[in-house]
Amino acid sequence: MSCPYGQSLINLAHMSKQSSIGSATAARILGISRSHLQRLASSGRVPADKLPGPVGAYVFDRDAVEALAKAGVR
């Protein structure tokens, strides 16, 4: 998945279970709504893994989300 804020911020292929967070937590860290976060994730502006299944929830790497928050991503 492409990240316009720099691939060095995150490598989703190596995301550990301890650092995985859901969209509610990620949105709170970034100071945005869940729906806005989901739009950013679906457009590739915020890197995320999408879980399989009918709901297909997004999973985010906590360290990457915190780095994006520090960079002022909104």
PDB file of N, CA and C in Angstrom:
ATOM      1  N   MET A   1       0.834  -1.166   0.000  1.00  0.00           N
ATOM      2  CA  MET A   1       0.000   0.000   0.000  1.00  0.00           C
ATOM      3  C   MET A   1       0.885   1.237   0.000  1.00  0.00           C
ATOM      4  N   SER A   2       0.544   2.198  -0.764  1.00  0.00           N
ATOM      5  CA  SER A   2       1.338   3.408  -0.903  1.00  0.00           C
ATOM      6  C   SER A   2       1.038   4.407   0.212  1.00  0.00           C
ATOM      7  N   CYS A   3       2.089   5.050   0.684  1.00  0.00           N
ATOM      8  CA  CYS A   3       1.934   6.053   1.734  1.00  0.00           C
ATOM      9  C   CYS A   3       2.591   7.342   1.277  1.00  0.00           C
ATOM     10  N   PRO A   4       1.812   8.410   1.016  1.00  0.00           N
ATOM     11  CA  PRO A   4       2.396   9.654   0.531  1.00  0.00           C
ATOM     12  C   PRO A   4       3.271  10.349   1.570  1.00  0.00           C
ATOM     13  N   TYR A   5       3.281   9.864   2.806  1.00  0.00           N
ATOM     14  CA  TYR A   5       4.059  10.496   3.864  1.00  0.00           C
ATOM     15  C   TYR A   5       5.378   9.779   4.089  1.00  0.00           C
ATOM     16  N   GLY A   6       5.718   8.843   3.220  1.00  0.00           N
ATOM     17  CA  GLY A   6       7.014   8.174   3.288  1.00  0.00           C
ATOM     18  C   GLY A   6       6.908   6.725   3.712  1.00  0.00           C
ATOM     19  N   GLN A   7       7.407   5.848   2.877  1.00  0.00           N
ATOM     20  CA  GLN A   7       7.365   4.421   3.163  1.00  0.00           C
ATOM     21  C   GLN A   7       8.166   4.076   4.409  1.00  0.00           C
ATOM     22  N   SER A   8       9.139   4.900   4.799  1.00  0.00           N
ATOM     23  CA  SER A   8       9.928   4.583   5.975  1.00  0.00           C
ATOM     24  C   SER A   8       9.104   4.656   7.253  1.00  0.00           C
ATOM     25  N   LEU A   9       7.930   5.295   7.213  1.00  0.00           N
ATOM     26  CA  LEU A   9       7.095   5.391   8.404  1.00  0.00           C
ATOM     27  C   LEU A   9       6.494   4.053   8.804  1.00  0.00           C
ATOM     28  N   ILE A  10       6.290   3.205   7.823  1.00  0.00           N
ATOM     29  CA  ILE A  10       5.536   1.989   8.136  1.00  0.00           C
ATOM     30  C   ILE A  10       5.869   0.872   7.155  1.00  0.00           C
ATOM     31  N   ASN A  11       5.806  -0.342   7.656  1.00  0.00           N
ATOM     32  CA  ASN A  11       5.886  -1.521   6.808  1.00  0.00           C
ATOM     33  C   ASN A  11       4.790  -2.456   7.290  1.00  0.00           C
ATOM     34  N   LEU A  12       3.628  -2.359   6.672  1.00  0.00           N
ATOM     35  CA  LEU A  12       2.464  -3.106   7.130  1.00  0.00           C
ATOM     36  C   LEU A  12       2.669  -4.615   7.081  1.00  0.00           C
ATOM     37  N   ALA A  13       3.553  -5.069   6.218  1.00  0.00           N
ATOM     38  CA  ALA A  13       3.784  -6.506   6.123  1.00  0.00           C
ATOM     39  C   ALA A  13       4.366  -7.061   7.413  1.00  0.00           C
ATOM     40  N   HIS A  14       4.989  -6.220   8.221  1.00  0.00           N
ATOM     41  CA  HIS A  14       5.613  -6.661   9.467  1.00  0.00           C
ATOM     42  C   HIS A  14       4.882  -6.137  10.705  1.00  0.00           C
ATOM     43  N   MET A  15       3.621  -5.775  10.556  1.00  0.00           N
ATOM     44  CA  MET A  15       2.852  -5.236  11.662  1.00  0.00           C
ATOM     45  C   MET A  15       2.662  -6.322  12.728  1.00  0.00           C
ATOM     46  N   SER A  16       3.025  -6.021  13.946  1.00  0.00           N
ATOM     47  CA  SER A  16       2.856  -6.988  15.025  1.00  0.00           C
ATOM     48  C   SER A  16       1.476  -6.831  15.643  1.00  0.00           C
ATOM     49  N   LYS A  17       0.991  -7.897  16.257  1.00  0.00           N
ATOM     50  CA  LYS A  17      -0.326  -7.846  16.881  1.00  0.00           C
ATOM     51  C   LYS A  17      -0.351  -6.845  18.023  1.00  0.00           C
ATOM     52  N   GLN A  18       0.771  -6.639  18.718  1.00  0.00           N
ATOM     53  CA  GLN A  18       0.798  -5.707  19.837  1.00  0.00           C
ATOM     54  C   GLN A  18       0.620  -4.268  19.375  1.00  0.00           C
ATOM     55  N   SER A  19       1.008  -3.956  18.147  1.00  0.00           N
ATOM     56  CA  SER A  19       0.930  -2.572  17.692  1.00  0.00           C
ATOM     57  C   SER A  19      -0.256  -2.322  16.763  1.00  0.00           C
ATOM     58  N   SER A  20      -1.099  -3.313  16.574  1.00  0.00           N
ATOM     59  CA  SER A  20      -2.273  -3.148  15.715  1.00  0.00           C
ATOM     60  C   SER A  20      -3.395  -2.467  16.486  1.00  0.00           C
ATOM     61  N   ILE A  21      -4.030  -1.493  15.844  1.00  0.00           N
ATOM     62  CA  ILE A  21      -5.148  -0.801  16.470  1.00  0.00           C
ATOM     63  C   ILE A  21      -6.294  -0.694  15.476  1.00  0.00           C
ATOM     64  N   GLY A  22      -7.484  -0.530  15.986  1.00  0.00           N
ATOM     65  CA  GLY A  22      -8.665  -0.385  15.151  1.00  0.00           C
ATOM     66  C   GLY A  22      -8.882   1.059  14.740  1.00  0.00           C
ATOM     67  N   SER A  23      -9.906   1.261  13.938  1.00  0.00           N
ATOM     68  CA  SER A  23     -10.155   2.596  13.392  1.00  0.00           C
ATOM     69  C   SER A  23     -10.581   3.607  14.458  1.00  0.00           C
ATOM     70  N   ALA A  24     -11.292   3.178  15.491  1.00  0.00           N
ATOM     71  CA  ALA A  24     -11.711   4.124  16.532  1.00  0.00           C
ATOM     72  C   ALA A  24     -10.504   4.692  17.268  1.00  0.00           C
ATOM     73  N   THR A  25      -9.560   3.826  17.611  1.00  0.00           N
ATOM     74  CA  THR A  25      -8.355   4.272  18.310  1.00  0.00           C
ATOM     75  C   THR A  25      -7.494   5.129  17.394  1.00  0.00           C
ATOM     76  N   ALA A  26      -7.323   4.694  16.156  1.00  0.00           N
ATOM     77  CA  ALA A  26      -6.512   5.458  15.201  1.00  0.00           C
ATOM     78  C   ALA A  26      -7.112   6.839  14.958  1.00  0.00           C
ATOM     79  N   ALA A  27      -8.431   6.905  14.817  1.00  0.00           N
ATOM     80  CA  ALA A  27      -9.096   8.192  14.597  1.00  0.00           C
ATOM     81  C   ALA A  27      -8.910   9.112  15.792  1.00  0.00           C
ATOM     82  N   ARG A  28      -8.991   8.556  16.997  1.00  0.00           N
ATOM     83  CA  ARG A  28      -8.795   9.358  18.204  1.00  0.00           C
ATOM     84  C   ARG A  28      -7.376   9.918  18.267  1.00  0.00           C
ATOM     85  N   ILE A  29      -6.375   9.106  17.935  1.00  0.00           N
ATOM     86  CA  ILE A  29      -4.982   9.558  17.935  1.00  0.00           C
ATOM     87  C   ILE A  29      -4.786  10.683  16.924  1.00  0.00           C
ATOM     88  N   LEU A  30      -5.405  10.541  15.754  1.00  0.00           N
ATOM     89  CA  LEU A  30      -5.251  11.546  14.698  1.00  0.00           C
ATOM     90  C   LEU A  30      -6.147  12.766  14.896  1.00  0.00           C
ATOM     91  N   GLY A  31      -7.123  12.650  15.790  1.00  0.00           N
ATOM     92  CA  GLY A  31      -8.039  13.763  16.027  1.00  0.00           C
ATOM     93  C   GLY A  31      -9.034  13.977  14.906  1.00  0.00           C
ATOM     94  N   ILE A  32      -9.447  12.873  14.267  1.00  0.00           N
ATOM     95  CA  ILE A  32     -10.409  12.936  13.166  1.00  0.00           C
ATOM     96  C   ILE A  32     -11.511  11.923  13.414  1.00  0.00           C
ATOM     97  N   SER A  33     -12.585  11.998  12.638  1.00  0.00           N
ATOM     98  CA  SER A  33     -13.675  11.037  12.780  1.00  0.00           C
ATOM     99  C   SER A  33     -13.296   9.701  12.144  1.00  0.00           C
ATOM    100  N   ARG A  34     -13.976   8.651  12.569  1.00  0.00           N
ATOM    101  CA  ARG A  34     -13.739   7.332  11.966  1.00  0.00           C
ATOM    102  C   ARG A  34     -14.070   7.333  10.485  1.00  0.00           C
ATOM    103  N   SER A  35     -15.137   8.015  10.104  1.00  0.00           N
ATOM    104  CA  SER A  35     -15.510   8.019   8.685  1.00  0.00           C
ATOM    105  C   SER A  35     -14.444   8.730   7.848  1.00  0.00           C
ATOM    106  N   HIS A  36     -13.870   9.817   8.376  1.00  0.00           N
ATOM    107  CA  HIS A  36     -12.806  10.501   7.640  1.00  0.00           C
ATOM    108  C   HIS A  36     -11.566   9.611   7.553  1.00  0.00           C
ATOM    109  N   LEU A  37     -11.240   8.931   8.647  1.00  0.00           N
ATOM    110  CA  LEU A  37     -10.094   8.010   8.642  1.00  0.00           C
ATOM    111  C   LEU A  37     -10.313   6.901   7.615  1.00  0.00           C
ATOM    112  N   GLN A  38     -11.509   6.361   7.546  1.00  0.00           N
ATOM    113  CA  GLN A  38     -11.788   5.292   6.582  1.00  0.00           C
ATOM    114  C   GLN A  38     -11.651   5.794   5.152  1.00  0.00           C
ATOM    115  N   ARG A  39     -12.059   7.029   4.890  1.00  0.00           N
ATOM    116  CA  ARG A  39     -11.857   7.606   3.551  1.00  0.00           C
ATOM    117  C   ARG A  39     -10.373   7.761   3.252  1.00  0.00           C
ATOM    118  N   LEU A  40      -9.594   8.226   4.234  1.00  0.00           N
ATOM    119  CA  LEU A  40      -8.150   8.376   4.038  1.00  0.00           C
ATOM    120  C   LEU A  40      -7.489   7.017   3.799  1.00  0.00           C
ATOM    121  N   ALA A  41      -7.928   6.008   4.532  1.00  0.00           N
ATOM    122  CA  ALA A  41      -7.364   4.669   4.364  1.00  0.00           C
ATOM    123  C   ALA A  41      -7.734   4.083   3.007  1.00  0.00           C
ATOM    124  N   SER A  42      -8.974   4.240   2.592  1.00  0.00           N
ATOM    125  CA  SER A  42      -9.390   3.664   1.303  1.00  0.00           C
ATOM    126  C   SER A  42      -8.720   4.369   0.129  1.00  0.00           C
ATOM    127  N   SER A  43      -8.347   5.629   0.311  1.00  0.00           N
ATOM    128  CA  SER A  43      -7.642   6.357  -0.758  1.00  0.00           C
ATOM    129  C   SER A  43      -6.134   6.132  -0.715  1.00  0.00           C
ATOM    130  N   GLY A  44      -5.641   5.477   0.352  1.00  0.00           N
ATOM    131  CA  GLY A  44      -4.210   5.211   0.462  1.00  0.00           C
ATOM    132  C   GLY A  44      -3.418   6.315   1.154  1.00  0.00           C
ATOM    133  N   ARG A  45      -4.092   7.367   1.605  1.00  0.00           N
ATOM    134  CA  ARG A  45      -3.387   8.470   2.279  1.00  0.00           C
ATOM    135  C   ARG A  45      -2.927   8.085   3.676  1.00  0.00           C
ATOM    136  N   VAL A  46      -3.627   7.144   4.308  1.00  0.00           N
ATOM    137  CA  VAL A  46      -3.212   6.583   5.587  1.00  0.00           C
ATOM    138  C   VAL A  46      -3.107   5.077   5.375  1.00  0.00           C
ATOM    139  N   PRO A  47      -1.920   4.511   5.584  1.00  0.00           N
ATOM    140  CA  PRO A  47      -1.741   3.079   5.325  1.00  0.00           C
ATOM    141  C   PRO A  47      -2.506   2.217   6.328  1.00  0.00           C
ATOM    142  N   ALA A  48      -3.113   1.155   5.813  1.00  0.00           N
ATOM    143  CA  ALA A  48      -3.901   0.248   6.651  1.00  0.00           C
ATOM    144  C   ALA A  48      -4.017  -1.103   5.967  1.00  0.00           C
ATOM    145  N   ASP A  49      -4.285  -2.103   6.770  1.00  0.00           N
ATOM    146  CA  ASP A  49      -4.657  -3.415   6.246  1.00  0.00           C
ATOM    147  C   ASP A  49      -6.163  -3.530   6.377  1.00  0.00           C
ATOM    148  N   LYS A  50      -6.788  -4.122   5.378  1.00  0.00           N
ATOM    149  CA  LYS A  50      -8.237  -4.333   5.427  1.00  0.00           C
ATOM    150  C   LYS A  50      -8.471  -5.815   5.675  1.00  0.00           C
ATOM    151  N   LEU A  51      -9.226  -6.104   6.712  1.00  0.00           N
ATOM    152  CA  LEU A  51      -9.514  -7.486   7.058  1.00  0.00           C
ATOM    153  C   LEU A  51     -10.494  -8.091   6.062  1.00  0.00           C
ATOM    154  N   PRO A  52     -10.373  -9.390   5.805  1.00  0.00           N
ATOM    155  CA  PRO A  52     -11.307 -10.038   4.881  1.00  0.00           C
ATOM    156  C   PRO A  52     -12.692 -10.160   5.508  1.00  0.00           C
ATOM    157  N   GLY A  53     -13.644 -10.432   4.693  1.00  0.00           N
ATOM    158  CA  GLY A  53     -15.002 -10.633   5.180  1.00  0.00           C
ATOM    159  C   GLY A  53     -15.939  -9.553   4.706  1.00  0.00           C
ATOM    160  N   PRO A  54     -17.211  -9.717   5.028  1.00  0.00           N
ATOM    161  CA  PRO A  54     -18.219  -8.771   4.539  1.00  0.00           C
ATOM    162  C   PRO A  54     -18.058  -7.363   5.106  1.00  0.00           C
ATOM    163  N   VAL A  55     -17.553  -7.239   6.333  1.00  0.00           N
ATOM    164  CA  VAL A  55     -17.368  -5.921   6.937  1.00  0.00           C
ATOM    165  C   VAL A  55     -16.051  -5.310   6.494  1.00  0.00           C
ATOM    166  N   GLY A  56     -14.981  -6.101   6.480  1.00  0.00           N
ATOM    167  CA  GLY A  56     -13.682  -5.635   6.018  1.00  0.00           C
ATOM    168  C   GLY A  56     -13.139  -4.461   6.808  1.00  0.00           C
ATOM    169  N   ALA A  57     -13.105  -4.594   8.125  1.00  0.00           N
ATOM    170  CA  ALA A  57     -12.611  -3.520   8.986  1.00  0.00           C
ATOM    171  C   ALA A  57     -11.143  -3.210   8.683  1.00  0.00           C
ATOM    172  N   TYR A  58     -10.762  -1.966   8.901  1.00  0.00           N
ATOM    173  CA  TYR A  58      -9.371  -1.565   8.730  1.00  0.00           C
ATOM    174  C   TYR A  58      -8.608  -1.789  10.031  1.00  0.00           C
ATOM    175  N   VAL A  59      -7.323  -2.153   9.894  1.00  0.00           N
ATOM    176  CA  VAL A  59      -6.413  -2.301  11.024  1.00  0.00           C
ATOM    177  C   VAL A  59      -5.210  -1.424  10.729  1.00  0.00           C
ATOM    178  N   PHE A  60      -4.771  -0.676  11.734  1.00  0.00           N
ATOM    179  CA  PHE A  60      -3.690   0.294  11.580  1.00  0.00           C
ATOM    180  C   PHE A  60      -2.531  -0.051  12.507  1.00  0.00           C
ATOM    181  N   ASP A  61      -1.337   0.360  12.135  1.00  0.00           N
ATOM    182  CA  ASP A  61      -0.162   0.204  12.972  1.00  0.00           C
ATOM    183  C   ASP A  61      -0.066   1.432  13.885  1.00  0.00           C
ATOM    184  N   ARG A  62      -0.059   1.198  15.207  1.00  0.00           N
ATOM    185  CA  ARG A  62      -0.066   2.306  16.169  1.00  0.00           C
ATOM    186  C   ARG A  62       1.117   3.257  15.957  1.00  0.00           C
ATOM    187  N   ASP A  63       2.315   2.721  15.775  1.00  0.00           N
ATOM    188  CA  ASP A  63       3.490   3.580  15.595  1.00  0.00           C
ATOM    189  C   ASP A  63       3.346   4.469  14.361  1.00  0.00           C
ATOM    190  N   ALA A  64       2.814   3.913  13.280  1.00  0.00           N
ATOM    191  CA  ALA A  64       2.633   4.691  12.053  1.00  0.00           C
ATOM    192  C   ALA A  64       1.580   5.780  12.254  1.00  0.00           C
ATOM    193  N   VAL A  65       0.501   5.434  12.939  1.00  0.00           N
ATOM    194  CA  VAL A  65      -0.557   6.426  13.187  1.00  0.00           C
ATOM    195  C   VAL A  65      -0.021   7.550  14.063  1.00  0.00           C
ATOM    196  N   GLU A  66       0.754   7.207  15.088  1.00  0.00           N
ATOM    197  CA  GLU A  66       1.330   8.239  15.957  1.00  0.00           C
ATOM    198  C   GLU A  66       2.310   9.123  15.183  1.00  0.00           C
ATOM    199  N   ALA A  67       3.083   8.525  14.273  1.00  0.00           N
ATOM    200  CA  ALA A  67       3.991   9.315  13.438  1.00  0.00           C
ATOM    201  C   ALA A  67       3.217  10.248  12.509  1.00  0.00           C
ATOM    202  N   LEU A  68       2.126   9.758  11.951  1.00  0.00           N
ATOM    203  CA  LEU A  68       1.292  10.592  11.092  1.00  0.00           C
ATOM    204  C   LEU A  68       0.657  11.729  11.892  1.00  0.00           C
ATOM    205  N   ALA A  69       0.262  11.448  13.133  1.00  0.00           N
ATOM    206  CA  ALA A  69      -0.319  12.478  13.986  1.00  0.00           C
ATOM    207  C   ALA A  69       0.713  13.578  14.263  1.00  0.00           C
ATOM    208  N   LYS A  70       1.944  13.177  14.533  1.00  0.00           N
ATOM    209  CA  LYS A  70       3.017  14.155  14.765  1.00  0.00           C
ATOM    210  C   LYS A  70       3.282  14.987  13.525  1.00  0.00           C
ATOM    211  N   ALA A  71       3.112  14.367  12.340  1.00  0.00           N
ATOM    212  CA  ALA A  71       3.327  15.071  11.075  1.00  0.00           C
ATOM    213  C   ALA A  71       2.139  15.973  10.722  1.00  0.00           C
ATOM    214  N   GLY A  72       1.064  15.869  11.498  1.00  0.00           N
ATOM    215  CA  GLY A  72      -0.095  16.731  11.279  1.00  0.00           C
ATOM    216  C   GLY A  72      -1.056  16.249  10.229  1.00  0.00           C
ATOM    217  N   VAL A  73      -1.073  14.961   9.961  1.00  0.00           N
ATOM    218  CA  VAL A  73      -2.006  14.416   8.975  1.00  0.00           C
ATOM    219  C   VAL A  73      -3.419  14.525   9.512  1.00  0.00           C
ATOM    220  N   ARG A  74      -4.289  15.126   8.738  1.00  0.00           N
ATOM    221  CA  ARG A  74      -5.701  15.288   9.136  1.00  0.00           C
ATOM    222  C   ARG A  74      -6.566  14.935   7.977  1.00  0.00           C
TER     223      ARG A  74
END
